[in-house]
Amino acid sequence: MSRNKYPEQTVERILDAARRLFLEKGYEATTIQDIVDELGGLTKGAVYHHFKSKADIMNALGDRLFLERDPFLAVAGRKDLNGLEKLREVIRLHEADAEQQQLGREALPMLKNPRVLAEMLETNRRELTPRFLRLIEEGQRDGSISTGYAPGLAELIPLLTSLWLAPTVY
């Protein structure tokens, strides 16, 4: 059996195909076989070598989209905004990203799975909370945010924006 010399390219091809299919057919209607068929020449085994499940593909796709369009990076160096304005802009940029919102809607059925929901909560806590905390602390320093609970607020914002507003969860 030959080894793929460029596994990251295979992962990108899988994610590109899944992205197209999830947006065209929807997450629920797309199967792993559909993704394999879209890849031309790749086997189902190759897909499963890189991803354990369709949910893992969706999670990786969400991570990739976030990193490509990271709203925190978009506001990081802006001197024309105070901490509160940066916080608002991060949320606005995220909500204004139509493709990411569409994929988020397609992923809602995944949240019915407790394991997937727990993984999403952990990822939010690990990845988003520190980023929100930096913006809140910046706002505290410049006087635009007044709170005695910056760490708790930083944990609450991702919960409110990704869970409380999700129809599948609420």
N, C-alpha and C. Protein backbone atom coordinates (compact mmCIF):
# COMPACT_ATOMS: atom_id res chain seq x y z
N MET A 1 0.84 -1.17 0.00
CA MET A 1 0.00 0.00 0.00
C MET A 1 0.89 1.24 0.00
N SER A 2 0.64 2.17 -0.91
CA SER A 2 1.47 3.37 -1.00
C SER A 2 1.02 4.40 0.02
N ARG A 3 1.97 5.16 0.49
CA ARG A 3 1.71 6.20 1.49
C ARG A 3 1.56 7.53 0.81
N ASN A 4 0.61 8.30 1.28
CA ASN A 4 0.40 9.65 0.77
C ASN A 4 1.50 10.54 1.31
N LYS A 5 2.26 11.17 0.40
CA LYS A 5 3.35 12.05 0.83
C LYS A 5 2.84 13.40 1.32
N TYR A 6 1.58 13.74 1.03
CA TYR A 6 1.04 15.05 1.39
C TYR A 6 -0.32 14.90 2.07
N PRO A 7 -0.36 14.36 3.30
CA PRO A 7 -1.65 14.14 3.96
C PRO A 7 -2.42 15.43 4.21
N GLU A 8 -1.72 16.54 4.41
CA GLU A 8 -2.43 17.81 4.64
C GLU A 8 -3.21 18.23 3.40
N GLN A 9 -2.70 17.89 2.21
CA GLN A 9 -3.45 18.19 0.99
C GLN A 9 -4.70 17.33 0.89
N THR A 10 -4.60 16.08 1.32
CA THR A 10 -5.76 15.20 1.33
C THR A 10 -6.82 15.74 2.29
N VAL A 11 -6.40 16.17 3.46
CA VAL A 11 -7.33 16.74 4.44
C VAL A 11 -8.02 17.97 3.84
N GLU A 12 -7.26 18.82 3.18
CA GLU A 12 -7.85 20.02 2.57
C GLU A 12 -8.84 19.65 1.48
N ARG A 13 -8.52 18.64 0.68
CA ARG A 13 -9.46 18.19 -0.37
C ARG A 13 -10.75 17.67 0.25
N ILE A 14 -10.63 16.89 1.31
CA ILE A 14 -11.81 16.36 2.00
C ILE A 14 -12.65 17.51 2.54
N LEU A 15 -12.00 18.48 3.18
CA LEU A 15 -12.74 19.61 3.75
C LEU A 15 -13.38 20.46 2.66
N ASP A 16 -12.69 20.66 1.55
CA ASP A 16 -13.27 21.43 0.44
C ASP A 16 -14.52 20.73 -0.12
N ALA A 17 -14.42 19.42 -0.31
CA ALA A 17 -15.57 18.67 -0.83
C ALA A 17 -16.73 18.70 0.16
N ALA A 18 -16.43 18.48 1.42
CA ALA A 18 -17.47 18.50 2.45
C ALA A 18 -18.13 19.87 2.53
N ARG A 19 -17.35 20.91 2.44
CA ARG A 19 -17.88 22.28 2.50
C ARG A 19 -18.90 22.50 1.38
N ARG A 20 -18.51 22.12 0.16
CA ARG A 20 -19.43 22.26 -0.98
C ARG A 20 -20.72 21.48 -0.74
N LEU A 21 -20.57 20.23 -0.34
CA LEU A 21 -21.74 19.37 -0.17
C LEU A 21 -22.62 19.82 0.99
N PHE A 22 -22.02 20.19 2.11
CA PHE A 22 -22.82 20.64 3.26
C PHE A 22 -23.62 21.88 2.90
N LEU A 23 -23.02 22.77 2.11
CA LEU A 23 -23.74 23.98 1.72
C LEU A 23 -24.79 23.71 0.65
N GLU A 24 -24.53 22.75 -0.26
CA GLU A 24 -25.48 22.44 -1.33
C GLU A 24 -26.62 21.54 -0.85
N LYS A 25 -26.26 20.43 -0.21
CA LYS A 25 -27.25 19.42 0.17
C LYS A 25 -27.68 19.51 1.62
N GLY A 26 -26.84 20.13 2.45
CA GLY A 26 -27.08 20.14 3.88
C GLY A 26 -26.28 19.06 4.57
N TYR A 27 -25.99 19.27 5.83
CA TYR A 27 -25.20 18.32 6.62
C TYR A 27 -25.90 16.97 6.73
N GLU A 28 -27.15 16.98 7.11
CA GLU A 28 -27.90 15.74 7.33
C GLU A 28 -28.00 14.90 6.05
N ALA A 29 -28.17 15.54 4.91
CA ALA A 29 -28.37 14.82 3.65
C ALA A 29 -27.05 14.36 3.01
N THR A 30 -25.93 14.86 3.50
CA THR A 30 -24.63 14.48 2.95
C THR A 30 -24.09 13.26 3.68
N THR A 31 -23.64 12.28 2.92
CA THR A 31 -23.05 11.09 3.52
C THR A 31 -21.54 11.10 3.28
N ILE A 32 -20.85 10.25 4.01
CA ILE A 32 -19.41 10.08 3.77
C ILE A 32 -19.19 9.61 2.33
N GLN A 33 -20.07 8.74 1.84
CA GLN A 33 -19.93 8.27 0.45
C GLN A 33 -20.07 9.43 -0.53
N ASP A 34 -20.95 10.40 -0.26
CA ASP A 34 -21.07 11.57 -1.12
C ASP A 34 -19.74 12.32 -1.17
N ILE A 35 -19.11 12.45 -0.02
CA ILE A 35 -17.82 13.16 0.05
C ILE A 35 -16.77 12.39 -0.74
N VAL A 36 -16.73 11.07 -0.57
CA VAL A 36 -15.79 10.22 -1.31
C VAL A 36 -16.03 10.37 -2.81
N ASP A 37 -17.29 10.33 -3.22
CA ASP A 37 -17.61 10.46 -4.65
C ASP A 37 -17.16 11.80 -5.21
N GLU A 38 -17.23 12.83 -4.40
CA GLU A 38 -16.83 14.18 -4.82
C GLU A 38 -15.31 14.28 -4.99
N LEU A 39 -14.58 13.40 -4.32
CA LEU A 39 -13.12 13.49 -4.32
C LEU A 39 -12.47 12.79 -5.51
N GLY A 40 -13.16 11.89 -6.16
CA GLY A 40 -12.62 11.23 -7.34
C GLY A 40 -11.28 10.56 -7.10
N GLY A 41 -11.31 9.27 -6.80
CA GLY A 41 -10.07 8.53 -6.64
C GLY A 41 -9.70 8.26 -5.19
N LEU A 42 -10.27 8.96 -4.27
CA LEU A 42 -10.00 8.71 -2.86
C LEU A 42 -10.99 7.66 -2.35
N THR A 43 -10.54 6.83 -1.45
CA THR A 43 -11.42 5.79 -0.91
C THR A 43 -12.05 6.23 0.39
N LYS A 44 -13.10 5.51 0.78
CA LYS A 44 -13.75 5.78 2.06
C LYS A 44 -12.74 5.56 3.20
N GLY A 45 -11.89 4.56 3.04
CA GLY A 45 -10.86 4.29 4.04
C GLY A 45 -9.91 5.47 4.22
N ALA A 46 -9.58 6.13 3.11
CA ALA A 46 -8.70 7.31 3.19
C ALA A 46 -9.37 8.44 3.96
N VAL A 47 -10.67 8.62 3.74
CA VAL A 47 -11.39 9.65 4.48
C VAL A 47 -11.39 9.31 5.96
N TYR A 48 -11.70 8.04 6.28
CA TYR A 48 -11.72 7.62 7.68
C TYR A 48 -10.33 7.60 8.32
N HIS A 49 -9.30 7.53 7.51
CA HIS A 49 -7.94 7.64 8.05
C HIS A 49 -7.71 9.02 8.66
N HIS A 50 -8.31 10.04 8.05
CA HIS A 50 -8.12 11.42 8.51
C HIS A 50 -9.21 11.90 9.46
N PHE A 51 -10.41 11.35 9.35
CA PHE A 51 -11.55 11.79 10.17
C PHE A 51 -12.33 10.58 10.65
N LYS A 52 -12.70 10.58 11.93
CA LYS A 52 -13.44 9.45 12.50
C LYS A 52 -14.89 9.42 12.05
N SER A 53 -15.43 10.59 11.71
CA SER A 53 -16.86 10.66 11.40
C SER A 53 -17.17 11.91 10.59
N LYS A 54 -18.41 11.98 10.12
CA LYS A 54 -18.88 13.17 9.43
C LYS A 54 -18.88 14.37 10.38
N ALA A 55 -19.20 14.13 11.64
CA ALA A 55 -19.18 15.21 12.64
C ALA A 55 -17.76 15.76 12.81
N ASP A 56 -16.77 14.89 12.78
CA ASP A 56 -15.38 15.35 12.88
C ASP A 56 -15.00 16.21 11.68
N ILE A 57 -15.52 15.85 10.51
CA ILE A 57 -15.26 16.65 9.31
C ILE A 57 -15.89 18.03 9.49
N MET A 58 -17.13 18.07 9.97
CA MET A 58 -17.80 19.36 10.19
C MET A 58 -17.05 20.20 11.22
N ASN A 59 -16.59 19.58 12.28
CA ASN A 59 -15.82 20.32 13.29
C ASN A 59 -14.53 20.88 12.71
N ALA A 60 -13.83 20.07 11.95
CA ALA A 60 -12.58 20.54 11.32
C ALA A 60 -12.86 21.66 10.33
N LEU A 61 -13.96 21.55 9.61
CA LEU A 61 -14.35 22.59 8.67
C LEU A 61 -14.66 23.89 9.40
N GLY A 62 -15.39 23.80 10.50
CA GLY A 62 -15.68 24.98 11.31
C GLY A 62 -14.42 25.63 11.84
N ASP A 63 -13.49 24.81 12.31
CA ASP A 63 -12.21 25.34 12.81
C ASP A 63 -11.44 26.04 11.70
N ARG A 64 -11.41 25.42 10.53
CA ARG A 64 -10.68 26.01 9.40
C ARG A 64 -11.31 27.34 8.99
N LEU A 65 -12.63 27.39 8.90
CA LEU A 65 -13.30 28.64 8.54
C LEU A 65 -13.02 29.73 9.56
N PHE A 66 -13.06 29.36 10.83
CA PHE A 66 -12.80 30.35 11.87
C PHE A 66 -11.38 30.91 11.73
N LEU A 67 -10.42 30.03 11.53
CA LEU A 67 -9.03 30.49 11.41
C LEU A 67 -8.82 31.33 10.15
N GLU A 68 -9.52 30.99 9.06
CA GLU A 68 -9.41 31.78 7.83
C GLU A 68 -9.97 33.18 8.01
N ARG A 69 -10.98 33.32 8.84
CA ARG A 69 -11.71 34.59 8.99
C ARG A 69 -11.75 35.02 10.45
N ASP A 70 -10.69 34.78 11.18
CA ASP A 70 -10.63 35.03 12.61
C ASP A 70 -10.97 36.49 12.94
N PRO A 71 -12.15 36.74 13.53
CA PRO A 71 -12.54 38.12 13.82
C PRO A 71 -11.66 38.77 14.89
N PHE A 72 -11.05 37.96 15.74
CA PHE A 72 -10.17 38.51 16.77
C PHE A 72 -8.92 39.11 16.14
N LEU A 73 -8.39 38.45 15.11
CA LEU A 73 -7.23 38.99 14.39
C LEU A 73 -7.60 40.26 13.64
N ALA A 74 -8.82 40.30 13.14
CA ALA A 74 -9.28 41.46 12.37
C ALA A 74 -9.30 42.74 13.21
N VAL A 75 -9.52 42.60 14.51
CA VAL A 75 -9.60 43.80 15.37
C VAL A 75 -8.36 44.01 16.22
N ALA A 76 -7.47 43.05 16.24
CA ALA A 76 -6.33 43.07 17.18
C ALA A 76 -5.51 44.35 17.12
N GLY A 77 -5.14 44.79 15.95
CA GLY A 77 -4.26 45.94 15.84
C GLY A 77 -4.96 47.28 15.65
N ARG A 78 -6.28 47.28 15.72
CA ARG A 78 -7.02 48.52 15.44
C ARG A 78 -6.89 49.48 16.61
N LYS A 79 -6.34 50.64 16.31
CA LYS A 79 -6.16 51.69 17.33
C LYS A 79 -7.38 52.61 17.41
N ASP A 80 -8.26 52.51 16.41
CA ASP A 80 -9.45 53.38 16.38
C ASP A 80 -10.59 52.84 17.22
N LEU A 81 -10.42 51.64 17.82
CA LEU A 81 -11.47 51.03 18.62
C LEU A 81 -10.99 50.80 20.05
N ASN A 82 -11.88 51.04 21.01
CA ASN A 82 -11.54 50.69 22.39
C ASN A 82 -11.91 49.22 22.62
N GLY A 83 -11.70 48.71 23.81
CA GLY A 83 -11.95 47.30 24.10
C GLY A 83 -13.38 46.89 23.86
N LEU A 84 -14.35 47.69 24.31
CA LEU A 84 -15.76 47.38 24.11
C LEU A 84 -16.11 47.38 22.62
N GLU A 85 -15.61 48.35 21.88
CA GLU A 85 -15.89 48.41 20.45
C GLU A 85 -15.28 47.21 19.72
N LYS A 86 -14.09 46.78 20.15
CA LYS A 86 -13.47 45.59 19.55
C LYS A 86 -14.32 44.35 19.85
N LEU A 87 -14.81 44.25 21.08
CA LEU A 87 -15.66 43.13 21.45
C LEU A 87 -16.92 43.09 20.57
N ARG A 88 -17.55 44.22 20.41
CA ARG A 88 -18.73 44.30 19.55
C ARG A 88 -18.40 43.96 18.10
N GLU A 89 -17.26 44.44 17.63
CA GLU A 89 -16.86 44.20 16.24
C GLU A 89 -16.57 42.72 16.00
N VAL A 90 -15.96 42.05 16.96
CA VAL A 90 -15.70 40.61 16.84
C VAL A 90 -17.02 39.86 16.66
N ILE A 91 -17.99 40.18 17.50
CA ILE A 91 -19.29 39.51 17.41
C ILE A 91 -19.99 39.87 16.10
N ARG A 92 -19.93 41.13 15.71
CA ARG A 92 -20.55 41.56 14.45
C ARG A 92 -19.93 40.85 13.25
N LEU A 93 -18.60 40.79 13.21
CA LEU A 93 -17.91 40.13 12.10
C LEU A 93 -18.29 38.66 12.03
N HIS A 94 -18.34 38.01 13.17
CA HIS A 94 -18.70 36.60 13.20
C HIS A 94 -20.13 36.39 12.71
N GLU A 95 -21.04 37.20 13.18
CA GLU A 95 -22.45 37.06 12.78
C GLU A 95 -22.68 37.47 11.32
N ALA A 96 -21.84 38.32 10.78
CA ALA A 96 -22.00 38.80 9.40
C ALA A 96 -21.42 37.83 8.37
N ASP A 97 -20.66 36.82 8.81
CA ASP A 97 -20.05 35.85 7.90
C ASP A 97 -21.12 34.85 7.45
N ALA A 98 -21.72 35.10 6.30
CA ALA A 98 -22.87 34.31 5.82
C ALA A 98 -22.53 32.83 5.66
N GLU A 99 -21.37 32.53 5.10
CA GLU A 99 -21.02 31.12 4.88
C GLU A 99 -20.84 30.40 6.21
N GLN A 100 -20.16 31.04 7.15
CA GLN A 100 -19.96 30.42 8.45
C GLN A 100 -21.30 30.25 9.18
N GLN A 101 -22.20 31.20 9.03
CA GLN A 101 -23.51 31.08 9.66
C GLN A 101 -24.31 29.94 9.03
N GLN A 102 -24.22 29.81 7.70
CA GLN A 102 -24.93 28.71 7.02
C GLN A 102 -24.39 27.37 7.48
N LEU A 103 -23.08 27.23 7.56
CA LEU A 103 -22.50 25.97 8.04
C LEU A 103 -22.90 25.73 9.50
N GLY A 104 -22.97 26.79 10.29
CA GLY A 104 -23.41 26.66 11.67
C GLY A 104 -24.83 26.14 11.76
N ARG A 105 -25.70 26.64 10.88
CA ARG A 105 -27.08 26.14 10.86
C ARG A 105 -27.12 24.67 10.44
N GLU A 106 -26.27 24.30 9.49
CA GLU A 106 -26.22 22.91 9.05
C GLU A 106 -25.72 22.00 10.18
N ALA A 107 -24.87 22.53 11.05
CA ALA A 107 -24.29 21.74 12.13
C ALA A 107 -25.21 21.61 13.34
N LEU A 108 -26.30 22.36 13.40
CA LEU A 108 -27.18 22.33 14.56
C LEU A 108 -27.63 20.93 14.96
N PRO A 109 -27.98 20.05 14.02
CA PRO A 109 -28.39 18.70 14.44
C PRO A 109 -27.30 17.95 15.21
N MET A 110 -26.04 18.28 14.96
CA MET A 110 -24.94 17.63 15.67
C MET A 110 -25.02 17.91 17.17
N LEU A 111 -25.58 19.06 17.54
CA LEU A 111 -25.61 19.45 18.94
C LEU A 111 -26.55 18.58 19.77
N LYS A 112 -27.36 17.77 19.11
CA LYS A 112 -28.21 16.84 19.83
C LYS A 112 -27.39 15.69 20.43
N ASN A 113 -26.19 15.51 19.92
CA ASN A 113 -25.29 14.48 20.42
C ASN A 113 -24.52 15.05 21.62
N PRO A 114 -24.70 14.49 22.81
CA PRO A 114 -24.03 15.04 24.00
C PRO A 114 -22.51 15.11 23.89
N ARG A 115 -21.90 14.13 23.22
CA ARG A 115 -20.43 14.14 23.06
C ARG A 115 -19.99 15.33 22.21
N VAL A 116 -20.71 15.57 21.12
CA VAL A 116 -20.38 16.69 20.23
C VAL A 116 -20.59 18.01 20.96
N LEU A 117 -21.69 18.12 21.70
CA LEU A 117 -21.98 19.33 22.46
C LEU A 117 -20.89 19.58 23.50
N ALA A 118 -20.48 18.54 24.21
CA ALA A 118 -19.42 18.69 25.22
C ALA A 118 -18.10 19.11 24.57
N GLU A 119 -17.79 18.54 23.41
CA GLU A 119 -16.55 18.92 22.71
C GLU A 119 -16.61 20.38 22.26
N MET A 120 -17.78 20.82 21.79
CA MET A 120 -17.91 22.21 21.38
C MET A 120 -17.74 23.14 22.56
N LEU A 121 -18.34 22.80 23.70
CA LEU A 121 -18.19 23.63 24.90
C LEU A 121 -16.73 23.71 25.33
N GLU A 122 -16.05 22.58 25.30
CA GLU A 122 -14.64 22.55 25.69
C GLU A 122 -13.78 23.37 24.72
N THR A 123 -14.04 23.25 23.44
CA THR A 123 -13.30 24.04 22.45
C THR A 123 -13.54 25.53 22.66
N ASN A 124 -14.80 25.91 22.88
CA ASN A 124 -15.10 27.32 23.16
C ASN A 124 -14.35 27.80 24.39
N ARG A 125 -14.36 26.98 25.44
CA ARG A 125 -13.68 27.38 26.68
C ARG A 125 -12.18 27.53 26.45
N ARG A 126 -11.61 26.60 25.74
CA ARG A 126 -10.17 26.60 25.52
C ARG A 126 -9.72 27.67 24.52
N GLU A 127 -10.49 27.85 23.44
CA GLU A 127 -10.06 28.74 22.36
C GLU A 127 -10.64 30.15 22.45
N LEU A 128 -11.92 30.27 22.70
CA LEU A 128 -12.57 31.58 22.65
C LEU A 128 -12.47 32.35 23.96
N THR A 129 -12.60 31.67 25.09
CA THR A 129 -12.59 32.37 26.37
C THR A 129 -11.34 33.23 26.56
N PRO A 130 -10.14 32.71 26.30
CA PRO A 130 -8.96 33.58 26.48
C PRO A 130 -8.95 34.79 25.54
N ARG A 131 -9.48 34.62 24.34
CA ARG A 131 -9.53 35.73 23.38
C ARG A 131 -10.50 36.81 23.86
N PHE A 132 -11.68 36.37 24.33
CA PHE A 132 -12.63 37.33 24.87
C PHE A 132 -12.07 38.00 26.12
N LEU A 133 -11.37 37.24 26.95
CA LEU A 133 -10.79 37.79 28.16
C LEU A 133 -9.79 38.91 27.83
N ARG A 134 -8.98 38.72 26.82
CA ARG A 134 -8.01 39.77 26.43
C ARG A 134 -8.75 41.05 26.02
N LEU A 135 -9.84 40.92 25.28
CA LEU A 135 -10.60 42.11 24.87
C LEU A 135 -11.27 42.77 26.08
N ILE A 136 -11.80 41.98 26.98
CA ILE A 136 -12.44 42.53 28.18
C ILE A 136 -11.41 43.26 29.03
N GLU A 137 -10.26 42.66 29.20
CA GLU A 137 -9.20 43.31 29.99
C GLU A 137 -8.71 44.59 29.32
N GLU A 138 -8.63 44.57 27.99
CA GLU A 138 -8.27 45.79 27.26
C GLU A 138 -9.32 46.87 27.53
N GLY A 139 -10.60 46.49 27.50
CA GLY A 139 -11.67 47.42 27.79
C GLY A 139 -11.63 47.93 29.22
N GLN A 140 -11.23 47.08 30.14
CA GLN A 140 -11.08 47.53 31.53
C GLN A 140 -9.96 48.57 31.63
N ARG A 141 -8.86 48.33 30.94
CA ARG A 141 -7.73 49.27 30.98
C ARG A 141 -8.09 50.62 30.36
N ASP A 142 -8.86 50.59 29.25
CA ASP A 142 -9.18 51.87 28.60
C ASP A 142 -10.47 52.49 29.14
N GLY A 143 -11.13 51.80 30.08
CA GLY A 143 -12.32 52.36 30.72
C GLY A 143 -13.63 52.12 29.98
N SER A 144 -13.60 51.38 28.89
CA SER A 144 -14.84 51.15 28.13
C SER A 144 -15.66 49.98 28.69
N ILE A 145 -15.03 49.13 29.50
CA ILE A 145 -15.72 48.00 30.12
C ILE A 145 -15.47 48.06 31.61
N SER A 146 -16.55 47.97 32.37
CA SER A 146 -16.45 47.98 33.82
C SER A 146 -17.07 46.70 34.36
N THR A 147 -16.23 45.79 34.83
CA THR A 147 -16.71 44.54 35.42
C THR A 147 -15.70 44.05 36.44
N GLY A 148 -16.21 43.45 37.48
CA GLY A 148 -15.34 42.80 38.45
C GLY A 148 -15.22 41.32 38.18
N TYR A 149 -15.81 40.88 37.09
CA TYR A 149 -15.88 39.45 36.77
C TYR A 149 -15.39 39.15 35.35
N ALA A 150 -14.26 39.67 34.99
CA ALA A 150 -13.76 39.51 33.62
C ALA A 150 -13.65 38.04 33.20
N PRO A 151 -13.05 37.15 34.02
CA PRO A 151 -12.96 35.74 33.58
C PRO A 151 -14.33 35.08 33.38
N GLY A 152 -15.26 35.35 34.28
CA GLY A 152 -16.60 34.78 34.13
C GLY A 152 -17.32 35.32 32.91
N LEU A 153 -17.18 36.61 32.67
CA LEU A 153 -17.80 37.23 31.49
C LEU A 153 -17.19 36.64 30.21
N ALA A 154 -15.89 36.40 30.22
CA ALA A 154 -15.22 35.82 29.05
C ALA A 154 -15.71 34.41 28.77
N GLU A 155 -16.12 33.68 29.80
CA GLU A 155 -16.67 32.34 29.61
C GLU A 155 -18.14 32.41 29.17
N LEU A 156 -18.84 33.44 29.61
CA LEU A 156 -20.26 33.57 29.31
C LEU A 156 -20.53 33.96 27.85
N ILE A 157 -19.72 34.84 27.30
CA ILE A 157 -19.98 35.35 25.94
C ILE A 157 -20.03 34.22 24.91
N PRO A 158 -19.06 33.29 24.87
CA PRO A 158 -19.18 32.20 23.89
C PRO A 158 -20.41 31.32 24.13
N LEU A 159 -20.78 31.13 25.38
CA LEU A 159 -21.99 30.35 25.66
C LEU A 159 -23.22 31.04 25.11
N LEU A 160 -23.32 32.33 25.32
CA LEU A 160 -24.48 33.07 24.85
C LEU A 160 -24.55 33.10 23.33
N THR A 161 -23.41 33.32 22.69
CA THR A 161 -23.42 33.48 21.24
C THR A 161 -23.52 32.15 20.49
N SER A 162 -23.00 31.07 21.05
CA SER A 162 -23.02 29.81 20.30
C SER A 162 -24.06 28.81 20.79
N LEU A 163 -24.49 28.92 22.03
CA LEU A 163 -25.44 27.96 22.54
C LEU A 163 -26.82 28.53 22.80
N TRP A 164 -26.87 29.55 23.58
CA TRP A 164 -28.16 30.09 23.98
C TRP A 164 -28.98 30.53 22.77
N LEU A 165 -28.30 31.02 21.75
CA LEU A 165 -28.99 31.48 20.55
C LEU A 165 -29.25 30.36 19.55
N ALA A 166 -28.75 29.16 19.80
CA ALA A 166 -28.93 28.03 18.89
C ALA A 166 -30.29 27.38 19.14
N PRO A 167 -31.15 27.35 18.13
CA PRO A 167 -32.51 26.80 18.32
C PRO A 167 -32.52 25.34 18.76
N THR A 168 -31.52 24.54 18.37
CA THR A 168 -31.49 23.15 18.74
C THR A 168 -31.27 22.99 20.24
N VAL A 169 -30.52 23.90 20.84
CA VAL A 169 -30.19 23.80 22.25
C VAL A 169 -31.23 24.49 23.11
N TYR A 170 -31.61 25.69 22.74
CA TYR A 170 -32.49 26.50 23.59
C TYR A 170 -33.91 25.99 23.57
